[in-house]
Amino acid sequence: MKIGILALDGVFDTGLATLLDTFSTANELALAGGAARGPLEIEVVGFTRQIRTAMGLRIAVAPVGAIGRPDWIVMPALNAKTRDAVLAALERRDVVEAKKRLRAWREKRIGIAAACIGTFVLADSGLLDGEDATTTWSLAPLFRERYAAVRLDDSRMVVSSNGIVTAGAAMGHLDLALWFVRQVSPELATLVARFLLIDNRTSQAQYIIPDYLAHADPLVERFERWARDNLSNGFSLQDAASALHVHTRTLQRRTELVLGKSPLAFFQDLRVQRARQLVLDGCGLDIVAERVGYADASTLRNLLRRKLGRGMRDLRMDG
């Protein structure tokens, strides 16, 4: 498999290094296992002879035209962690050129992939319109605001949709790299994961901080504060809307637009966050259930496992 990594100035160092290290490890392990050659042919390309990473390292890259016809082009993240930084990056001259190149590669039926902020470049090029995708959870509200034509599920770690693959936040580069190795050989991917101590992470859900997302919108932020004050009382959409002096439809529409989920689903996220902390603090499950508005501890146990994919014993081990 021939993979081109499109690297621009200001690339997220860890993202680029993670891709290269994972691919290199896969090739080395394949050779050690008796393969005649490594299964992955990797080329880092760019628009200049060298790029400067976000941390100031200078890296020589091949010109984009030198790669010929790869099987895949991967867009690692730029080091932009805030809304303003992302919007400014999307207007950079080299990023505009990257969007044109990505569209041209896609027209040739070359696979396109990106992780973290790199997914914004794909979306801004129009390549994700009508497709399923994920992105870094912390900027999902901005993604939804700008790219309504994309079917975003920011709870997922890696999403493949019609020859386009997207991955989640920062270390999602690791999951994306392993996805490529898995396409070559599931057995090799398992071996690489063990050598690099890569956990099996199919979801970003356990890493999402609900109140961080809520700050993207004034009404949703007010709803978040109301929800935290009323976790032990249970959820009522009518009570929430009345307390915030808005219509229920307004609250429903706004949370779905900003967060991609209903008010009840967001309330459940806050329940999970509070319950997880109480468990780490050593509280018994019955007490935890009462403090987050459940009369039945088994219902809370099922919610935690459904949302986090982990049982009570696993959560206690985190402490």
C-alpha atoms as a PDB file:
ATOM      1  CA  MET A   1       0.000   0.000   0.000  1.00  0.00           C
ATOM      2  CA  LYS A   2       1.386   3.368  -1.034  1.00  0.00           C
ATOM      3  CA  ILE A   3       0.523   6.227   1.323  1.00  0.00           C
ATOM      4  CA  GLY A   4       1.356   9.898   0.901  1.00  0.00           C
ATOM      5  CA  ILE A   5       1.352  12.117   3.983  1.00  0.00           C
ATOM      6  CA  LEU A   6       0.602  15.730   3.088  1.00  0.00           C
ATOM      7  CA  ALA A   7       2.548  17.812   5.624  1.00  0.00           C
ATOM      8  CA  LEU A   8       2.242  21.596   5.871  1.00  0.00           C
ATOM      9  CA  ASP A   9       3.995  24.213   7.976  1.00  0.00           C
ATOM     10  CA  GLY A  10       2.691  24.142  11.533  1.00  0.00           C
ATOM     11  CA  VAL A  11       1.833  20.445  11.407  1.00  0.00           C
ATOM     12  CA  PHE A  12       1.073  18.905  14.807  1.00  0.00           C
ATOM     13  CA  ASP A  13       4.386  17.212  15.658  1.00  0.00           C
ATOM     14  CA  THR A  14       2.899  14.313  17.579  1.00  0.00           C
ATOM     15  CA  GLY A  15       0.374  13.591  14.841  1.00  0.00           C
ATOM     16  CA  LEU A  16       2.971  13.398  12.085  1.00  0.00           C
ATOM     17  CA  ALA A  17       5.421  11.428  14.237  1.00  0.00           C
ATOM     18  CA  THR A  18       2.708   8.993  15.317  1.00  0.00           C
ATOM     19  CA  LEU A  19       1.796   8.192  11.721  1.00  0.00           C
ATOM     20  CA  LEU A  20       5.426   7.678  10.729  1.00  0.00           C
ATOM     21  CA  ASP A  21       6.352   5.635  13.814  1.00  0.00           C
ATOM     22  CA  THR A  22       3.346   3.325  13.495  1.00  0.00           C
ATOM     23  CA  PHE A  23       3.907   2.726   9.779  1.00  0.00           C
ATOM     24  CA  SER A  24       7.641   2.171  10.337  1.00  0.00           C
ATOM     25  CA  THR A  25       6.959  -0.296  13.151  1.00  0.00           C
ATOM     26  CA  ALA A  26       4.542  -2.226  10.926  1.00  0.00           C
ATOM     27  CA  ASN A  27       7.178  -2.527   8.187  1.00  0.00           C
ATOM     28  CA  GLU A  28       9.901  -3.590  10.636  1.00  0.00           C
ATOM     29  CA  LEU A  29       7.710  -6.248  12.232  1.00  0.00           C
ATOM     30  CA  ALA A  30       6.647  -7.554   8.836  1.00  0.00           C
ATOM     31  CA  LEU A  31      10.303  -7.924   7.788  1.00  0.00           C
ATOM     32  CA  ALA A  32      11.175  -9.586  11.085  1.00  0.00           C
ATOM     33  CA  GLY A  33       8.382 -12.069  10.430  1.00  0.00           C
ATOM     34  CA  GLY A  34       9.911 -13.119   7.126  1.00  0.00           C
ATOM     35  CA  ALA A  35       8.212 -10.782   4.652  1.00  0.00           C
ATOM     36  CA  ALA A  36      10.287  -9.911   1.586  1.00  0.00           C
ATOM     37  CA  ARG A  37       9.477  -6.228   2.064  1.00  0.00           C
ATOM     38  CA  GLY A  38       7.428  -3.947   4.268  1.00  0.00           C
ATOM     39  CA  PRO A  39       3.767  -3.731   3.239  1.00  0.00           C
ATOM     40  CA  LEU A  40       3.612   0.076   3.479  1.00  0.00           C
ATOM     41  CA  GLU A  41       5.366   2.532   1.178  1.00  0.00           C
ATOM     42  CA  ILE A  42       5.331   5.933   2.859  1.00  0.00           C
ATOM     43  CA  GLU A  43       6.215   9.329   1.371  1.00  0.00           C
ATOM     44  CA  VAL A  44       5.935  12.687   3.143  1.00  0.00           C
ATOM     45  CA  VAL A  45       5.059  15.377   0.600  1.00  0.00           C
ATOM     46  CA  GLY A  46       4.474  19.115   0.685  1.00  0.00           C
ATOM     47  CA  PHE A  47       4.464  22.313  -1.318  1.00  0.00           C
ATOM     48  CA  THR A  48       7.995  23.362  -0.347  1.00  0.00           C
ATOM     49  CA  ARG A  49      11.306  21.519   0.002  1.00  0.00           C
ATOM     50  CA  GLN A  50      10.987  21.505   3.749  1.00  0.00           C
ATOM     51  CA  ILE A  51       8.347  22.292   6.319  1.00  0.00           C
ATOM     52  CA  ARG A  52       8.575  23.681   9.826  1.00  0.00           C
ATOM     53  CA  THR A  53       6.516  21.833  12.395  1.00  0.00           C
ATOM     54  CA  ALA A  54       4.560  23.518  15.165  1.00  0.00           C
ATOM     55  CA  MET A  55       7.464  22.875  17.538  1.00  0.00           C
ATOM     56  CA  GLY A  56       9.954  24.457  15.138  1.00  0.00           C
ATOM     57  CA  LEU A  57      11.541  21.319  13.692  1.00  0.00           C
ATOM     58  CA  ARG A  58      12.508  21.454  10.027  1.00  0.00           C
ATOM     59  CA  ILE A  59      11.675  18.384   7.943  1.00  0.00           C
ATOM     60  CA  ALA A  60      12.575  17.746   4.308  1.00  0.00           C
ATOM     61  CA  VAL A  61       9.598  16.711   2.195  1.00  0.00           C
ATOM     62  CA  ALA A  62       9.160  15.576  -1.408  1.00  0.00           C
ATOM     63  CA  PRO A  63       7.140  17.729  -3.827  1.00  0.00           C
ATOM     64  CA  VAL A  64       3.508  16.662  -4.116  1.00  0.00           C
ATOM     65  CA  GLY A  65       3.984  15.779  -7.782  1.00  0.00           C
ATOM     66  CA  ALA A  66       6.724  13.278  -6.989  1.00  0.00           C
ATOM     67  CA  ILE A  67       4.437  10.773  -5.327  1.00  0.00           C
ATOM     68  CA  GLY A  68       2.781   9.651  -8.552  1.00  0.00           C
ATOM     69  CA  ARG A  69      -0.421   7.759  -7.852  1.00  0.00           C
ATOM     70  CA  PRO A  70      -0.654   6.678  -4.191  1.00  0.00           C
ATOM     71  CA  ASP A  71      -3.388   4.481  -2.797  1.00  0.00           C
ATOM     72  CA  TRP A  72      -4.051   6.990  -0.023  1.00  0.00           C
ATOM     73  CA  ILE A  73      -3.286  10.565   0.945  1.00  0.00           C
ATOM     74  CA  VAL A  74      -3.297  11.360   4.672  1.00  0.00           C
ATOM     75  CA  MET A  75      -3.772  14.882   6.045  1.00  0.00           C
ATOM     76  CA  PRO A  76      -2.333  15.127   9.583  1.00  0.00           C
ATOM     77  CA  ALA A  77      -3.543  17.875  11.900  1.00  0.00           C
ATOM     78  CA  LEU A  78      -2.298  21.424  11.984  1.00  0.00           C
ATOM     79  CA  ASN A  79      -1.490  22.662  15.476  1.00  0.00           C
ATOM     80  CA  ALA A  80      -4.686  24.674  15.934  1.00  0.00           C
ATOM     81  CA  LYS A  81      -6.600  24.024  19.137  1.00  0.00           C
ATOM     82  CA  THR A  82      -9.069  26.914  19.295  1.00  0.00           C
ATOM     83  CA  ARG A  83     -11.911  28.108  17.106  1.00  0.00           C
ATOM     84  CA  ASP A  84     -10.081  31.246  15.954  1.00  0.00           C
ATOM     85  CA  ALA A  85      -6.868  29.343  15.235  1.00  0.00           C
ATOM     86  CA  VAL A  86      -8.704  26.781  13.112  1.00  0.00           C
ATOM     87  CA  LEU A  87     -10.588  29.413  11.121  1.00  0.00           C
ATOM     88  CA  ALA A  88      -7.367  31.332  10.477  1.00  0.00           C
ATOM     89  CA  ALA A  89      -5.546  28.165   9.400  1.00  0.00           C
ATOM     90  CA  LEU A  90      -8.236  27.283   6.863  1.00  0.00           C
ATOM     91  CA  GLU A  91      -7.559  30.582   5.062  1.00  0.00           C
ATOM     92  CA  ARG A  92      -3.796  30.104   4.771  1.00  0.00           C
ATOM     93  CA  ARG A  93      -2.440  30.009   1.227  1.00  0.00           C
ATOM     94  CA  ASP A  94      -0.878  26.560   1.577  1.00  0.00           C
ATOM     95  CA  VAL A  95      -4.037  25.165   3.161  1.00  0.00           C
ATOM     96  CA  VAL A  96      -6.126  26.536   0.284  1.00  0.00           C
ATOM     97  CA  GLU A  97      -3.699  24.825  -2.101  1.00  0.00           C
ATOM     98  CA  ALA A  98      -3.988  21.623  -0.055  1.00  0.00           C
ATOM     99  CA  LYS A  99      -7.769  21.671  -0.432  1.00  0.00           C
ATOM    100  CA  LYS A 100      -7.404  21.926  -4.218  1.00  0.00           C
ATOM    101  CA  ARG A 101      -4.934  19.048  -4.268  1.00  0.00           C
ATOM    102  CA  LEU A 102      -7.150  16.884  -2.108  1.00  0.00           C
ATOM    103  CA  ARG A 103     -10.066  17.409  -4.471  1.00  0.00           C
ATOM    104  CA  ALA A 104      -7.839  16.555  -7.449  1.00  0.00           C
ATOM    105  CA  TRP A 105      -6.610  13.351  -5.789  1.00  0.00           C
ATOM    106  CA  ARG A 106     -10.166  12.401  -4.914  1.00  0.00           C
ATOM    107  CA  GLU A 107     -11.253  12.878  -8.541  1.00  0.00           C
ATOM    108  CA  LYS A 108      -8.647  10.229  -9.415  1.00  0.00           C
ATOM    109  CA  ARG A 109     -10.340   7.883  -6.912  1.00  0.00           C
ATOM    110  CA  ILE A 110      -7.421   8.051  -4.505  1.00  0.00           C
ATOM    111  CA  GLY A 111      -8.398   7.422  -0.880  1.00  0.00           C
ATOM    112  CA  ILE A 112      -8.271  10.422   1.441  1.00  0.00           C
ATOM    113  CA  ALA A 113      -7.783  10.355   5.213  1.00  0.00           C
ATOM    114  CA  ALA A 114      -7.319  12.870   8.014  1.00  0.00           C
ATOM    115  CA  ALA A 115      -7.179  13.084  11.785  1.00  0.00           C
ATOM    116  CA  CYS A 116      -8.073  15.755  14.335  1.00  0.00           C
ATOM    117  CA  ILE A 117      -7.888  19.272  12.781  1.00  0.00           C
ATOM    118  CA  GLY A 118      -6.970  17.662   9.471  1.00  0.00           C
ATOM    119  CA  THR A 119     -10.630  16.682   9.177  1.00  0.00           C
ATOM    120  CA  PHE A 120     -11.532  20.378   8.988  1.00  0.00           C
ATOM    121  CA  VAL A 121      -9.356  20.718   5.877  1.00  0.00           C
ATOM    122  CA  LEU A 122     -11.214  17.810   4.274  1.00  0.00           C
ATOM    123  CA  ALA A 123     -14.588  19.242   5.225  1.00  0.00           C
ATOM    124  CA  ASP A 124     -13.624  22.711   4.000  1.00  0.00           C
ATOM    125  CA  SER A 125     -12.674  21.208   0.641  1.00  0.00           C
ATOM    126  CA  GLY A 126     -16.194  19.791   0.314  1.00  0.00           C
ATOM    127  CA  LEU A 127     -14.990  16.188   0.269  1.00  0.00           C
ATOM    128  CA  LEU A 128     -16.998  15.222   3.347  1.00  0.00           C
ATOM    129  CA  ASP A 129     -20.348  16.561   2.119  1.00  0.00           C
ATOM    130  CA  GLY A 130     -22.891  13.774   2.426  1.00  0.00           C
ATOM    131  CA  GLU A 131     -20.400  11.483   4.156  1.00  0.00           C
ATOM    132  CA  ASP A 132     -20.108  10.055   7.662  1.00  0.00           C
ATOM    133  CA  ALA A 133     -17.193  11.518   9.603  1.00  0.00           C
ATOM    134  CA  THR A 134     -15.666  12.173  12.998  1.00  0.00           C
ATOM    135  CA  THR A 135     -13.384  14.934  14.255  1.00  0.00           C
ATOM    136  CA  THR A 136     -11.737  16.162  17.426  1.00  0.00           C
ATOM    137  CA  TRP A 137     -14.514  16.212  20.033  1.00  0.00           C
ATOM    138  CA  SER A 138     -13.433  19.583  21.463  1.00  0.00           C
ATOM    139  CA  LEU A 139     -14.232  21.427  18.228  1.00  0.00           C
ATOM    140  CA  ALA A 140     -17.259  19.403  17.168  1.00  0.00           C
ATOM    141  CA  PRO A 141     -19.642  22.371  17.726  1.00  0.00           C
ATOM    142  CA  LEU A 142     -17.631  24.473  15.234  1.00  0.00           C
ATOM    143  CA  PHE A 143     -17.550  21.562  12.798  1.00  0.00           C
ATOM    144  CA  ARG A 144     -21.339  21.178  12.957  1.00  0.00           C
ATOM    145  CA  GLU A 145     -21.804  24.923  12.542  1.00  0.00           C
ATOM    146  CA  ARG A 146     -19.679  25.084   9.376  1.00  0.00           C
ATOM    147  CA  TYR A 147     -20.357  21.731   7.750  1.00  0.00           C
ATOM    148  CA  ALA A 148     -24.025  20.902   8.100  1.00  0.00           C
ATOM    149  CA  ALA A 149     -23.850  18.596   5.058  1.00  0.00           C
ATOM    150  CA  VAL A 150     -21.486  16.216   6.898  1.00  0.00           C
ATOM    151  CA  ARG A 151     -22.976  13.427   9.015  1.00  0.00           C
ATOM    152  CA  LEU A 152     -20.796  13.955  12.072  1.00  0.00           C
ATOM    153  CA  ASP A 153     -20.479  11.451  14.899  1.00  0.00           C
ATOM    154  CA  ASP A 154     -17.801  12.840  17.189  1.00  0.00           C
ATOM    155  CA  SER A 155     -18.204   9.957  19.644  1.00  0.00           C
ATOM    156  CA  ARG A 156     -16.422   7.618  17.223  1.00  0.00           C
ATOM    157  CA  MET A 157     -12.659   7.341  16.980  1.00  0.00           C
ATOM    158  CA  VAL A 158     -12.332   6.321  13.310  1.00  0.00           C
ATOM    159  CA  VAL A 159     -14.980   6.543  10.578  1.00  0.00           C
ATOM    160  CA  SER A 160     -14.651   5.131   7.058  1.00  0.00           C
ATOM    161  CA  SER A 161     -17.087   6.417   4.447  1.00  0.00           C
ATOM    162  CA  ASN A 162     -16.817   5.758   0.693  1.00  0.00           C
ATOM    163  CA  GLY A 163     -13.047   5.886   0.457  1.00  0.00           C
ATOM    164  CA  ILE A 164     -12.609   8.707   2.974  1.00  0.00           C
ATOM    165  CA  VAL A 165     -11.414   7.995   6.524  1.00  0.00           C
ATOM    166  CA  THR A 166     -11.487  10.444   9.421  1.00  0.00           C
ATOM    167  CA  ALA A 167     -10.171  10.072  12.960  1.00  0.00           C
ATOM    168  CA  GLY A 168     -10.744  11.902  16.232  1.00  0.00           C
ATOM    169  CA  ALA A 169      -8.737  14.120  18.537  1.00  0.00           C
ATOM    170  CA  ALA A 170      -4.919  14.445  18.659  1.00  0.00           C
ATOM    171  CA  MET A 171      -3.939  10.841  19.428  1.00  0.00           C
ATOM    172  CA  GLY A 172      -6.554   9.720  16.932  1.00  0.00           C
ATOM    173  CA  HIS A 173      -3.578   9.762  14.544  1.00  0.00           C
ATOM    174  CA  LEU A 174      -2.535   6.549  16.258  1.00  0.00           C
ATOM    175  CA  ASP A 175      -5.910   4.916  15.644  1.00  0.00           C
ATOM    176  CA  LEU A 176      -5.880   6.121  12.034  1.00  0.00           C
ATOM    177  CA  ALA A 177      -2.405   4.682  11.411  1.00  0.00           C
ATOM    178  CA  LEU A 178      -3.449   1.361  12.919  1.00  0.00           C
ATOM    179  CA  TRP A 179      -6.554   1.365  10.685  1.00  0.00           C
ATOM    180  CA  PHE A 180      -4.269   1.443   7.637  1.00  0.00           C
ATOM    181  CA  VAL A 181      -2.139  -1.393   8.970  1.00  0.00           C
ATOM    182  CA  ARG A 182      -5.297  -3.403   9.607  1.00  0.00           C
ATOM    183  CA  GLN A 183      -6.304  -3.048   5.942  1.00  0.00           C
ATOM    184  CA  VAL A 184      -3.030  -4.736   5.000  1.00  0.00           C
ATOM    185  CA  SER A 185      -3.093  -7.411   7.704  1.00  0.00           C
ATOM    186  CA  PRO A 186      -5.285  -7.692  10.812  1.00  0.00           C
ATOM    187  CA  GLU A 187      -2.645  -9.943  12.372  1.00  0.00           C
ATOM    188  CA  LEU A 188       0.095  -7.376  11.752  1.00  0.00           C
ATOM    189  CA  ALA A 189      -2.130  -4.637  13.210  1.00  0.00           C
ATOM    190  CA  THR A 190      -2.602  -6.680  16.387  1.00  0.00           C
ATOM    191  CA  LEU A 191       1.148  -7.168  16.656  1.00  0.00           C
ATOM    192  CA  VAL A 192       1.861  -3.450  16.130  1.00  0.00           C
ATOM    193  CA  ALA A 193      -0.734  -2.553  18.769  1.00  0.00           C
ATOM    194  CA  ARG A 194       0.964  -4.826  21.271  1.00  0.00           C
ATOM    195  CA  PHE A 195       4.436  -3.493  20.528  1.00  0.00           C
ATOM    196  CA  LEU A 196       3.296   0.131  20.839  1.00  0.00           C
ATOM    197  CA  LEU A 197       0.885  -0.486  23.742  1.00  0.00           C
ATOM    198  CA  ILE A 198      -2.088   0.782  21.749  1.00  0.00           C
ATOM    199  CA  ASP A 199      -5.431   0.248  23.476  1.00  0.00           C
ATOM    200  CA  ASN A 200      -8.478  -0.837  21.517  1.00  0.00           C
ATOM    201  CA  ARG A 201     -10.316   2.494  21.400  1.00  0.00           C
ATOM    202  CA  THR A 202     -13.351   2.631  19.133  1.00  0.00           C
ATOM    203  CA  SER A 203     -14.909   5.647  20.826  1.00  0.00           C
ATOM    204  CA  GLN A 204     -13.986   9.131  22.012  1.00  0.00           C
ATOM    205  CA  ALA A 205     -17.004   9.219  24.322  1.00  0.00           C
ATOM    206  CA  GLN A 206     -15.121   8.516  27.558  1.00  0.00           C
ATOM    207  CA  TYR A 207     -12.743  11.429  26.850  1.00  0.00           C
ATOM    208  CA  ILE A 208     -15.357  14.071  26.050  1.00  0.00           C
ATOM    209  CA  ILE A 209     -15.816  16.859  28.615  1.00  0.00           C
ATOM    210  CA  PRO A 210     -19.485  17.890  28.299  1.00  0.00           C
ATOM    211  CA  ASP A 211     -19.194  21.308  29.956  1.00  0.00           C
ATOM    212  CA  TYR A 212     -16.309  22.257  27.637  1.00  0.00           C
ATOM    213  CA  LEU A 213     -18.587  21.719  24.645  1.00  0.00           C
ATOM    214  CA  ALA A 214     -21.431  23.614  26.294  1.00  0.00           C
ATOM    215  CA  HIS A 215     -19.362  26.814  26.375  1.00  0.00           C
ATOM    216  CA  ALA A 216     -19.620  27.023  22.581  1.00  0.00           C
ATOM    217  CA  ASP A 217     -23.101  28.579  22.899  1.00  0.00           C
ATOM    218  CA  PRO A 218     -24.633  30.900  25.554  1.00  0.00           C
ATOM    219  CA  LEU A 219     -27.987  29.075  25.775  1.00  0.00           C
ATOM    220  CA  VAL A 220     -26.376  25.647  25.924  1.00  0.00           C
ATOM    221  CA  GLU A 221     -23.977  26.930  28.586  1.00  0.00           C
ATOM    222  CA  ARG A 222     -26.924  28.108  30.698  1.00  0.00           C
ATOM    223  CA  PHE A 223     -28.612  24.755  30.175  1.00  0.00           C
ATOM    224  CA  GLU A 224     -25.439  22.993  31.322  1.00  0.00           C
ATOM    225  CA  ARG A 225     -25.427  24.987  34.571  1.00  0.00           C
ATOM    226  CA  TRP A 226     -29.129  24.210  35.147  1.00  0.00           C
ATOM    227  CA  ALA A 227     -28.534  20.529  34.439  1.00  0.00           C
ATOM    228  CA  ARG A 228     -25.671  20.287  36.942  1.00  0.00           C
ATOM    229  CA  ASP A 229     -27.827  21.914  39.603  1.00  0.00           C
ATOM    230  CA  ASN A 230     -30.637  19.427  38.932  1.00  0.00           C
ATOM    231  CA  LEU A 231     -28.852  16.125  38.365  1.00  0.00           C
ATOM    232  CA  SER A 232     -30.299  14.599  41.515  1.00  0.00           C
ATOM    233  CA  ASN A 233     -33.843  15.617  40.522  1.00  0.00           C
ATOM    234  CA  GLY A 234     -33.922  13.886  37.163  1.00  0.00           C
ATOM    235  CA  PHE A 235     -34.576  15.431  33.760  1.00  0.00           C
ATOM    236  CA  SER A 236     -37.588  17.397  32.553  1.00  0.00           C
ATOM    237  CA  LEU A 237     -37.356  19.264  29.257  1.00  0.00           C
ATOM    238  CA  GLN A 238     -40.255  21.497  30.260  1.00  0.00           C
ATOM    239  CA  ASP A 239     -38.650  22.408  33.593  1.00  0.00           C
ATOM    240  CA  ALA A 240     -35.337  23.174  31.900  1.00  0.00           C
ATOM    241  CA  ALA A 241     -36.931  25.364  29.232  1.00  0.00           C
ATOM    242  CA  SER A 242     -39.040  27.222  31.812  1.00  0.00           C
ATOM    243  CA  ALA A 243     -35.988  27.905  33.980  1.00  0.00           C
ATOM    244  CA  LEU A 244     -34.108  29.252  30.962  1.00  0.00           C
ATOM    245  CA  HIS A 245     -37.129  31.264  29.702  1.00  0.00           C
ATOM    246  CA  VAL A 246     -37.160  29.615  26.270  1.00  0.00           C
ATOM    247  CA  HIS A 247     -39.541  27.323  24.423  1.00  0.00           C
ATOM    248  CA  THR A 248     -38.838  23.599  24.621  1.00  0.00           C
ATOM    249  CA  ARG A 249     -38.401  23.486  20.838  1.00  0.00           C
ATOM    250  CA  THR A 250     -35.776  26.247  21.051  1.00  0.00           C
ATOM    251  CA  LEU A 251     -33.749  24.350  23.641  1.00  0.00           C
ATOM    252  CA  GLN A 252     -34.102  21.089  21.723  1.00  0.00           C
ATOM    253  CA  ARG A 253     -33.054  22.681  18.442  1.00  0.00           C
ATOM    254  CA  ARG A 254     -30.097  24.541  19.943  1.00  0.00           C
ATOM    255  CA  THR A 255     -28.546  21.583  21.733  1.00  0.00           C
ATOM    256  CA  GLU A 256     -28.898  19.434  18.631  1.00  0.00           C
ATOM    257  CA  LEU A 257     -27.273  22.123  16.496  1.00  0.00           C
ATOM    258  CA  VAL A 258     -24.349  22.793  18.846  1.00  0.00           C
ATOM    259  CA  LEU A 259     -23.826  19.379  20.445  1.00  0.00           C
ATOM    260  CA  GLY A 260     -25.374  17.022  17.927  1.00  0.00           C
ATOM    261  CA  LYS A 261     -27.622  15.536  20.609  1.00  0.00           C
ATOM    262  CA  SER A 262     -30.861  16.170  22.479  1.00  0.00           C
ATOM    263  CA  PRO A 263     -31.089  17.929  25.860  1.00  0.00           C
ATOM    264  CA  LEU A 264     -31.802  14.554  27.488  1.00  0.00           C
ATOM    265  CA  ALA A 265     -28.730  12.954  25.882  1.00  0.00           C
ATOM    266  CA  PHE A 266     -26.549  15.825  27.120  1.00  0.00           C
ATOM    267  CA  PHE A 267     -28.098  15.516  30.594  1.00  0.00           C
ATOM    268  CA  GLN A 268     -27.149  11.831  30.501  1.00  0.00           C
ATOM    269  CA  ASP A 269     -23.569  12.770  29.608  1.00  0.00           C
ATOM    270  CA  LEU A 270     -23.399  15.013  32.672  1.00  0.00           C
ATOM    271  CA  ARG A 271     -24.826  12.197  34.787  1.00  0.00           C
ATOM    272  CA  VAL A 272     -22.088   9.880  33.556  1.00  0.00           C
ATOM    273  CA  GLN A 273     -19.402  12.489  34.226  1.00  0.00           C
ATOM    274  CA  ARG A 274     -20.648  13.122  37.789  1.00  0.00           C
ATOM    275  CA  ALA A 275     -21.146   9.408  38.494  1.00  0.00           C
ATOM    276  CA  ARG A 276     -17.660   8.575  37.259  1.00  0.00           C
ATOM    277  CA  GLN A 277     -16.135  11.156  39.603  1.00  0.00           C
ATOM    278  CA  LEU A 278     -18.190   9.932  42.567  1.00  0.00           C
ATOM    279  CA  VAL A 279     -17.060   6.363  41.910  1.00  0.00           C
ATOM    280  CA  LEU A 280     -13.437   7.517  41.847  1.00  0.00           C
ATOM    281  CA  ASP A 281     -14.084   9.307  45.151  1.00  0.00           C
ATOM    282  CA  GLY A 282     -15.047   5.956  46.654  1.00  0.00           C
ATOM    283  CA  CYS A 283     -18.828   6.379  46.882  1.00  0.00           C
ATOM    284  CA  GLY A 284     -21.009   3.262  46.769  1.00  0.00           C
ATOM    285  CA  LEU A 285     -23.189   2.709  43.718  1.00  0.00           C
ATOM    286  CA  ASP A 286     -26.473   3.307  45.577  1.00  0.00           C
ATOM    287  CA  ILE A 287     -25.246   6.709  46.774  1.00  0.00           C
ATOM    288  CA  VAL A 288     -23.939   7.580  43.315  1.00  0.00           C
ATOM    289  CA  ALA A 289     -27.274   6.626  41.743  1.00  0.00           C
ATOM    290  CA  GLU A 290     -29.188   8.837  44.183  1.00  0.00           C
ATOM    291  CA  ARG A 291     -26.933  11.840  43.529  1.00  0.00           C
ATOM    292  CA  VAL A 292     -27.442  11.638  39.765  1.00  0.00           C
ATOM    293  CA  GLY A 293     -31.198  11.122  39.914  1.00  0.00           C
ATOM    294  CA  TYR A 294     -31.637   7.343  39.708  1.00  0.00           C
ATOM    295  CA  ALA A 295     -33.661   5.291  42.167  1.00  0.00           C
ATOM    296  CA  ASP A 296     -32.280   2.067  40.731  1.00  0.00           C
ATOM    297  CA  ALA A 297     -28.520   1.476  40.877  1.00  0.00           C
ATOM    298  CA  SER A 298     -28.730  -1.176  38.146  1.00  0.00           C
ATOM    299  CA  THR A 299     -30.031   1.444  35.710  1.00  0.00           C
ATOM    300  CA  LEU A 300     -26.990   3.605  36.424  1.00  0.00           C
ATOM    301  CA  ARG A 301     -24.685   0.605  36.033  1.00  0.00           C
ATOM    302  CA  ASN A 302     -26.159  -0.088  32.586  1.00  0.00           C
ATOM    303  CA  LEU A 303     -25.830   3.578  31.609  1.00  0.00           C
ATOM    304  CA  LEU A 304     -22.150   3.680  32.570  1.00  0.00           C
ATOM    305  CA  ARG A 305     -21.375   0.522  30.643  1.00  0.00           C
ATOM    306  CA  ARG A 306     -23.309   1.719  27.599  1.00  0.00           C
ATOM    307  CA  LYS A 307     -21.690   5.147  27.567  1.00  0.00           C
ATOM    308  CA  LEU A 308     -18.150   4.228  28.616  1.00  0.00           C
ATOM    309  CA  GLY A 309     -17.915   0.587  27.637  1.00  0.00           C
ATOM    310  CA  ARG A 310     -16.556  -0.171  31.096  1.00  0.00           C
ATOM    311  CA  GLY A 311     -17.848  -1.683  34.312  1.00  0.00           C
ATOM    312  CA  MET A 312     -17.716  -0.361  37.883  1.00  0.00           C
ATOM    313  CA  ARG A 313     -14.587  -2.332  38.709  1.00  0.00           C
ATOM    314  CA  ASP A 314     -12.767  -0.806  35.727  1.00  0.00           C
ATOM    315  CA  LEU A 315     -13.778   2.725  36.787  1.00  0.00           C
ATOM    316  CA  ARG A 316     -12.572   2.179  40.344  1.00  0.00           C
ATOM    317  CA  MET A 317      -9.203   1.022  39.018  1.00  0.00           C
ATOM    318  CA  ASP A 318      -8.763   4.467  37.400  1.00  0.00           C
ATOM    319  CA  GLY A 319      -8.409   5.953  40.862  1.00  0.00           C
END
